């Protein structure tokens, strides 16, 4: 079975984002829809196009607090995995709405550091980032430095297996953050 995890480019929603809000500036920089940030403009290795995926359901508590290391079954995660966190935000809120942008569910710094130390290939999440606001880039950059890429706004994560690993395909990206043609 194939599941599309991409959230279609919904740039038309820019008009609905409050012009005084930080989120409009972020979206105008291309941080909308399902995307991978490459602040350092590194290339995602070709072998990363297919990974073992592990979905971690954090929806029962993600609206109340950060995701701590103790919340994650580390025994399920191997080096080279794509670890995907399911908060349920896209099921509760319209994408790009104020409620969506204020959704919690971010992994703690300790958890991010642990995943990078394994290292996993990708950290995916169904919200707008693994850390909020000014901490967004502060989290993504060190991950990228360690060869771990963050993919945000993942759609349909609730359809993924919760207990078993699965295969996940990820397009290749050039150093500018765009998809490489023909791949």
C-alpha atoms as a PDB file:
ATOM      1  CA  UNK A   1       0.000   0.000   0.000  1.00  0.00           C
ATOM      2  CA  UNK A   2       1.223   3.504  -0.840  1.00  0.00           C
ATOM      3  CA  UNK A   3       0.346   6.543   1.271  1.00  0.00           C
ATOM      4  CA  UNK A   4       1.013  10.071   0.032  1.00  0.00           C
ATOM      5  CA  UNK A   5       2.429  12.037   2.956  1.00  0.00           C
ATOM      6  CA  UNK A   6       2.751  15.316   1.106  1.00  0.00           C
ATOM      7  CA  UNK A   7       0.586  18.308   1.805  1.00  0.00           C
ATOM      8  CA  UNK A   8      -0.126  19.994  -1.494  1.00  0.00           C
ATOM      9  CA  UNK A   9       1.383  23.424  -2.035  1.00  0.00           C
ATOM     10  CA  UNK A  10      -1.288  25.619  -0.541  1.00  0.00           C
ATOM     11  CA  UNK A  11       0.344  28.986  -1.139  1.00  0.00           C
ATOM     12  CA  UNK A  12      -3.137  30.465  -1.650  1.00  0.00           C
ATOM     13  CA  UNK A  13      -3.426  30.279   2.137  1.00  0.00           C
ATOM     14  CA  UNK A  14      -0.853  33.067   2.480  1.00  0.00           C
ATOM     15  CA  UNK A  15      -3.675  35.555   2.071  1.00  0.00           C
ATOM     16  CA  UNK A  16      -5.449  34.089   5.094  1.00  0.00           C
ATOM     17  CA  UNK A  17      -2.448  34.407   7.410  1.00  0.00           C
ATOM     18  CA  UNK A  18      -2.510  37.549   9.550  1.00  0.00           C
ATOM     19  CA  UNK A  19      -0.103  40.051   7.946  1.00  0.00           C
ATOM     20  CA  UNK A  20       1.249  41.116  11.341  1.00  0.00           C
ATOM     21  CA  UNK A  21       2.135  37.588  12.277  1.00  0.00           C
ATOM     22  CA  UNK A  22       5.611  36.051  12.130  1.00  0.00           C
ATOM     23  CA  UNK A  23       4.068  33.069  10.345  1.00  0.00           C
ATOM     24  CA  UNK A  24       3.330  35.028   7.179  1.00  0.00           C
ATOM     25  CA  UNK A  25       6.999  35.922   6.809  1.00  0.00           C
ATOM     26  CA  UNK A  26       7.965  32.291   7.305  1.00  0.00           C
ATOM     27  CA  UNK A  27       5.480  31.086   4.703  1.00  0.00           C
ATOM     28  CA  UNK A  28       6.643  33.716   2.202  1.00  0.00           C
ATOM     29  CA  UNK A  29      10.133  32.246   2.484  1.00  0.00           C
ATOM     30  CA  UNK A  30       8.804  28.967   1.098  1.00  0.00           C
ATOM     31  CA  UNK A  31       8.009  27.197   4.346  1.00  0.00           C
ATOM     32  CA  UNK A  32       4.604  25.938   3.293  1.00  0.00           C
ATOM     33  CA  UNK A  33       3.234  22.564   2.363  1.00  0.00           C
ATOM     34  CA  UNK A  34       5.336  19.499   3.080  1.00  0.00           C
ATOM     35  CA  UNK A  35       8.942  20.592   2.776  1.00  0.00           C
ATOM     36  CA  UNK A  36      12.506  19.999   3.842  1.00  0.00           C
ATOM     37  CA  UNK A  37      14.584  22.926   5.091  1.00  0.00           C
ATOM     38  CA  UNK A  38      18.222  23.031   4.013  1.00  0.00           C
ATOM     39  CA  UNK A  39      19.516  26.127   5.723  1.00  0.00           C
ATOM     40  CA  UNK A  40      23.103  25.076   5.013  1.00  0.00           C
ATOM     41  CA  UNK A  41      22.276  24.148   1.413  1.00  0.00           C
ATOM     42  CA  UNK A  42      23.582  20.609   1.743  1.00  0.00           C
ATOM     43  CA  UNK A  43      22.506  17.929  -0.689  1.00  0.00           C
ATOM     44  CA  UNK A  44      20.400  15.067   0.600  1.00  0.00           C
ATOM     45  CA  UNK A  45      22.330  11.889  -0.293  1.00  0.00           C
ATOM     46  CA  UNK A  46      20.779   9.741  -2.993  1.00  0.00           C
ATOM     47  CA  UNK A  47      20.702   6.702  -0.680  1.00  0.00           C
ATOM     48  CA  UNK A  48      18.308   8.636   1.570  1.00  0.00           C
ATOM     49  CA  UNK A  49      15.537   8.289  -1.037  1.00  0.00           C
ATOM     50  CA  UNK A  50      14.459   5.024   0.588  1.00  0.00           C
ATOM     51  CA  UNK A  51      14.537   4.566   4.336  1.00  0.00           C
ATOM     52  CA  UNK A  52      13.063   2.454   7.073  1.00  0.00           C
ATOM     53  CA  UNK A  53      10.295   4.509   8.653  1.00  0.00           C
ATOM     54  CA  UNK A  54       9.074   4.532  12.230  1.00  0.00           C
ATOM     55  CA  UNK A  55       5.984   6.479  13.256  1.00  0.00           C
ATOM     56  CA  UNK A  56       5.806   7.716  16.841  1.00  0.00           C
ATOM     57  CA  UNK A  57       2.279   8.709  17.884  1.00  0.00           C
ATOM     58  CA  UNK A  58       2.566  11.656  20.270  1.00  0.00           C
ATOM     59  CA  UNK A  59      -1.011  12.846  19.777  1.00  0.00           C
ATOM     60  CA  UNK A  60      -2.240  11.819  23.270  1.00  0.00           C
ATOM     61  CA  UNK A  61      -0.003  14.386  24.990  1.00  0.00           C
ATOM     62  CA  UNK A  62       1.530  16.619  22.316  1.00  0.00           C
ATOM     63  CA  UNK A  63      -0.925  19.475  22.914  1.00  0.00           C
ATOM     64  CA  UNK A  64       0.166  19.728  26.545  1.00  0.00           C
ATOM     65  CA  UNK A  65       3.960  19.552  26.482  1.00  0.00           C
ATOM     66  CA  UNK A  66       7.126  18.879  24.558  1.00  0.00           C
ATOM     67  CA  UNK A  67       8.000  15.330  23.561  1.00  0.00           C
ATOM     68  CA  UNK A  68      10.624  14.033  25.966  1.00  0.00           C
ATOM     69  CA  UNK A  69      13.181  11.303  25.437  1.00  0.00           C
ATOM     70  CA  UNK A  70      11.255   9.019  27.825  1.00  0.00           C
ATOM     71  CA  UNK A  71       8.156   9.324  25.577  1.00  0.00           C
ATOM     72  CA  UNK A  72       9.868   7.694  22.613  1.00  0.00           C
ATOM     73  CA  UNK A  73      10.470   3.945  22.274  1.00  0.00           C
ATOM     74  CA  UNK A  74      14.120   4.253  21.285  1.00  0.00           C
ATOM     75  CA  UNK A  75      14.390   0.467  20.934  1.00  0.00           C
ATOM     76  CA  UNK A  76      12.259   0.783  17.770  1.00  0.00           C
ATOM     77  CA  UNK A  77      14.609   3.309  16.154  1.00  0.00           C
ATOM     78  CA  UNK A  78      17.748   2.349  14.237  1.00  0.00           C
ATOM     79  CA  UNK A  79      20.501   4.414  12.642  1.00  0.00           C
ATOM     80  CA  UNK A  80      19.388   5.509   9.176  1.00  0.00           C
ATOM     81  CA  UNK A  81      15.667   5.573  10.007  1.00  0.00           C
ATOM     82  CA  UNK A  82      13.108   8.182   9.078  1.00  0.00           C
ATOM     83  CA  UNK A  83      11.442   8.998  12.415  1.00  0.00           C
ATOM     84  CA  UNK A  84       8.037  10.570  11.970  1.00  0.00           C
ATOM     85  CA  UNK A  85       6.132  12.211  14.818  1.00  0.00           C
ATOM     86  CA  UNK A  86       2.334  12.232  14.593  1.00  0.00           C
ATOM     87  CA  UNK A  87       0.751  15.059  16.630  1.00  0.00           C
ATOM     88  CA  UNK A  88      -2.651  14.976  14.930  1.00  0.00           C
ATOM     89  CA  UNK A  89      -2.500  18.739  14.306  1.00  0.00           C
ATOM     90  CA  UNK A  90      -3.669  18.488  10.698  1.00  0.00           C
ATOM     91  CA  UNK A  91      -6.688  16.510  11.844  1.00  0.00           C
ATOM     92  CA  UNK A  92      -7.634  19.146  14.431  1.00  0.00           C
ATOM     93  CA  UNK A  93      -6.831  22.381  12.602  1.00  0.00           C
ATOM     94  CA  UNK A  94      -6.928  23.790   9.118  1.00  0.00           C
ATOM     95  CA  UNK A  95      -3.435  23.999   7.680  1.00  0.00           C
ATOM     96  CA  UNK A  96      -1.908  27.494   8.136  1.00  0.00           C
ATOM     97  CA  UNK A  97      -4.611  28.596  10.577  1.00  0.00           C
ATOM     98  CA  UNK A  98      -3.565  30.407  13.750  1.00  0.00           C
ATOM     99  CA  UNK A  99      -4.476  27.305  15.792  1.00  0.00           C
ATOM    100  CA  UNK A 100      -2.236  25.204  13.551  1.00  0.00           C
ATOM    101  CA  UNK A 101       0.705  27.583  14.018  1.00  0.00           C
ATOM    102  CA  UNK A 102       0.276  27.531  17.787  1.00  0.00           C
ATOM    103  CA  UNK A 103       0.066  23.739  18.000  1.00  0.00           C
ATOM    104  CA  UNK A 104       2.543  22.150  20.381  1.00  0.00           C
ATOM    105  CA  UNK A 105       4.272  18.818  19.889  1.00  0.00           C
ATOM    106  CA  UNK A 106       7.851  19.809  19.439  1.00  0.00           C
ATOM    107  CA  UNK A 107      10.544  17.320  20.414  1.00  0.00           C
ATOM    108  CA  UNK A 108      12.727  18.348  23.358  1.00  0.00           C
ATOM    109  CA  UNK A 109      16.312  19.399  22.677  1.00  0.00           C
ATOM    110  CA  UNK A 110      17.493  16.190  24.365  1.00  0.00           C
ATOM    111  CA  UNK A 111      15.358  14.087  22.021  1.00  0.00           C
ATOM    112  CA  UNK A 112      16.587  15.960  18.938  1.00  0.00           C
ATOM    113  CA  UNK A 113      20.209  15.508  20.047  1.00  0.00           C
ATOM    114  CA  UNK A 114      19.634  11.791  20.679  1.00  0.00           C
ATOM    115  CA  UNK A 115      18.084  11.227  17.240  1.00  0.00           C
ATOM    116  CA  UNK A 116      20.979  13.080  15.590  1.00  0.00           C
ATOM    117  CA  UNK A 117      23.513  11.031  17.543  1.00  0.00           C
ATOM    118  CA  UNK A 118      22.111   7.706  16.279  1.00  0.00           C
ATOM    119  CA  UNK A 119      22.014   9.161  13.531  1.00  0.00           C
ATOM    120  CA  UNK A 120      18.630   8.929  11.850  1.00  0.00           C
ATOM    121  CA  UNK A 121      18.264  10.255   8.285  1.00  0.00           C
ATOM    122  CA  UNK A 122      15.094  12.269   8.731  1.00  0.00           C
ATOM    123  CA  UNK A 123      12.967  13.673  11.506  1.00  0.00           C
ATOM    124  CA  UNK A 124       9.475  14.268  10.185  1.00  0.00           C
ATOM    125  CA  UNK A 125       6.544  15.946  11.865  1.00  0.00           C
ATOM    126  CA  UNK A 126       2.967  16.806  10.937  1.00  0.00           C
ATOM    127  CA  UNK A 127       3.258  20.384  12.204  1.00  0.00           C
ATOM    128  CA  UNK A 128       5.242  23.405  11.043  1.00  0.00           C
ATOM    129  CA  UNK A 129       8.550  22.460  12.648  1.00  0.00           C
ATOM    130  CA  UNK A 130      10.365  20.455  15.282  1.00  0.00           C
ATOM    131  CA  UNK A 131      10.834  23.671  17.289  1.00  0.00           C
ATOM    132  CA  UNK A 132       8.734  26.820  17.231  1.00  0.00           C
ATOM    133  CA  UNK A 133       9.428  30.376  16.151  1.00  0.00           C
ATOM    134  CA  UNK A 134      13.025  31.537  16.683  1.00  0.00           C
ATOM    135  CA  UNK A 135      14.055  28.013  17.690  1.00  0.00           C
ATOM    136  CA  UNK A 136      12.966  26.645  14.292  1.00  0.00           C
ATOM    137  CA  UNK A 137      16.263  27.297  12.512  1.00  0.00           C
ATOM    138  CA  UNK A 138      18.215  26.722  15.717  1.00  0.00           C
ATOM    139  CA  UNK A 139      16.949  23.125  15.640  1.00  0.00           C
ATOM    140  CA  UNK A 140      17.105  22.448  11.906  1.00  0.00           C
ATOM    141  CA  UNK A 141      20.664  23.718  11.335  1.00  0.00           C
ATOM    142  CA  UNK A 142      22.456  21.425  13.836  1.00  0.00           C
ATOM    143  CA  UNK A 143      20.436  18.484  12.519  1.00  0.00           C
ATOM    144  CA  UNK A 144      21.533  19.276   8.970  1.00  0.00           C
ATOM    145  CA  UNK A 145      25.155  19.678  10.115  1.00  0.00           C
ATOM    146  CA  UNK A 146      24.949  16.094  11.377  1.00  0.00           C
ATOM    147  CA  UNK A 147      23.359  14.813   8.153  1.00  0.00           C
ATOM    148  CA  UNK A 148      19.849  14.624   9.603  1.00  0.00           C
ATOM    149  CA  UNK A 149      17.112  16.423   7.670  1.00  0.00           C
ATOM    150  CA  UNK A 150      13.854  17.782   9.032  1.00  0.00           C
ATOM    151  CA  UNK A 151      10.666  17.411   6.978  1.00  0.00           C
ATOM    152  CA  UNK A 152       7.704  19.491   8.129  1.00  0.00           C
ATOM    153  CA  UNK A 153       3.945  19.550   7.532  1.00  0.00           C
ATOM    154  CA  UNK A 154       3.681  15.833   6.794  1.00  0.00           C
ATOM    155  CA  UNK A 155       0.147  14.865   5.856  1.00  0.00           C
ATOM    156  CA  UNK A 156      -1.726  11.595   6.506  1.00  0.00           C
ATOM    157  CA  UNK A 157       0.649  10.453   9.246  1.00  0.00           C
ATOM    158  CA  UNK A 158      -2.335   8.918  11.054  1.00  0.00           C
ATOM    159  CA  UNK A 159      -2.495   6.294   8.275  1.00  0.00           C
ATOM    160  CA  UNK A 160       0.978   4.921   8.969  1.00  0.00           C
ATOM    161  CA  UNK A 161       1.555   1.765  11.011  1.00  0.00           C
ATOM    162  CA  UNK A 162       1.996   2.559  14.694  1.00  0.00           C
ATOM    163  CA  UNK A 163       3.805  -0.577  15.793  1.00  0.00           C
ATOM    164  CA  UNK A 164       5.679  -1.860  12.729  1.00  0.00           C
ATOM    165  CA  UNK A 165       8.371  -0.222  10.662  1.00  0.00           C
ATOM    166  CA  UNK A 166       7.604   0.616   7.026  1.00  0.00           C
ATOM    167  CA  UNK A 167       9.469   1.734   3.927  1.00  0.00           C
ATOM    168  CA  UNK A 168       9.341   5.428   3.142  1.00  0.00           C
ATOM    169  CA  UNK A 169      10.469   7.086  -0.085  1.00  0.00           C
ATOM    170  CA  UNK A 170      11.746  10.649  -0.046  1.00  0.00           C
ATOM    171  CA  UNK A 171      12.651  12.667  -3.153  1.00  0.00           C
ATOM    172  CA  UNK A 172      16.202  13.903  -3.635  1.00  0.00           C
ATOM    173  CA  UNK A 173      16.804  17.592  -3.071  1.00  0.00           C
ATOM    174  CA  UNK A 174      19.469  19.893  -4.438  1.00  0.00           C
ATOM    175  CA  UNK A 175      21.436  22.199  -2.111  1.00  0.00           C
ATOM    176  CA  UNK A 176      18.939  25.002  -2.733  1.00  0.00           C
ATOM    177  CA  UNK A 177      16.182  22.947  -1.159  1.00  0.00           C
ATOM    178  CA  UNK A 178      14.402  22.142  -4.403  1.00  0.00           C
ATOM    179  CA  UNK A 179      13.663  18.730  -5.821  1.00  0.00           C
ATOM    180  CA  UNK A 180      16.225  17.517  -8.336  1.00  0.00           C
ATOM    181  CA  UNK A 181      14.749  17.205 -11.833  1.00  0.00           C
ATOM    182  CA  UNK A 182      14.381  13.703 -13.209  1.00  0.00           C
ATOM    183  CA  UNK A 183      14.645  11.953  -9.867  1.00  0.00           C
END
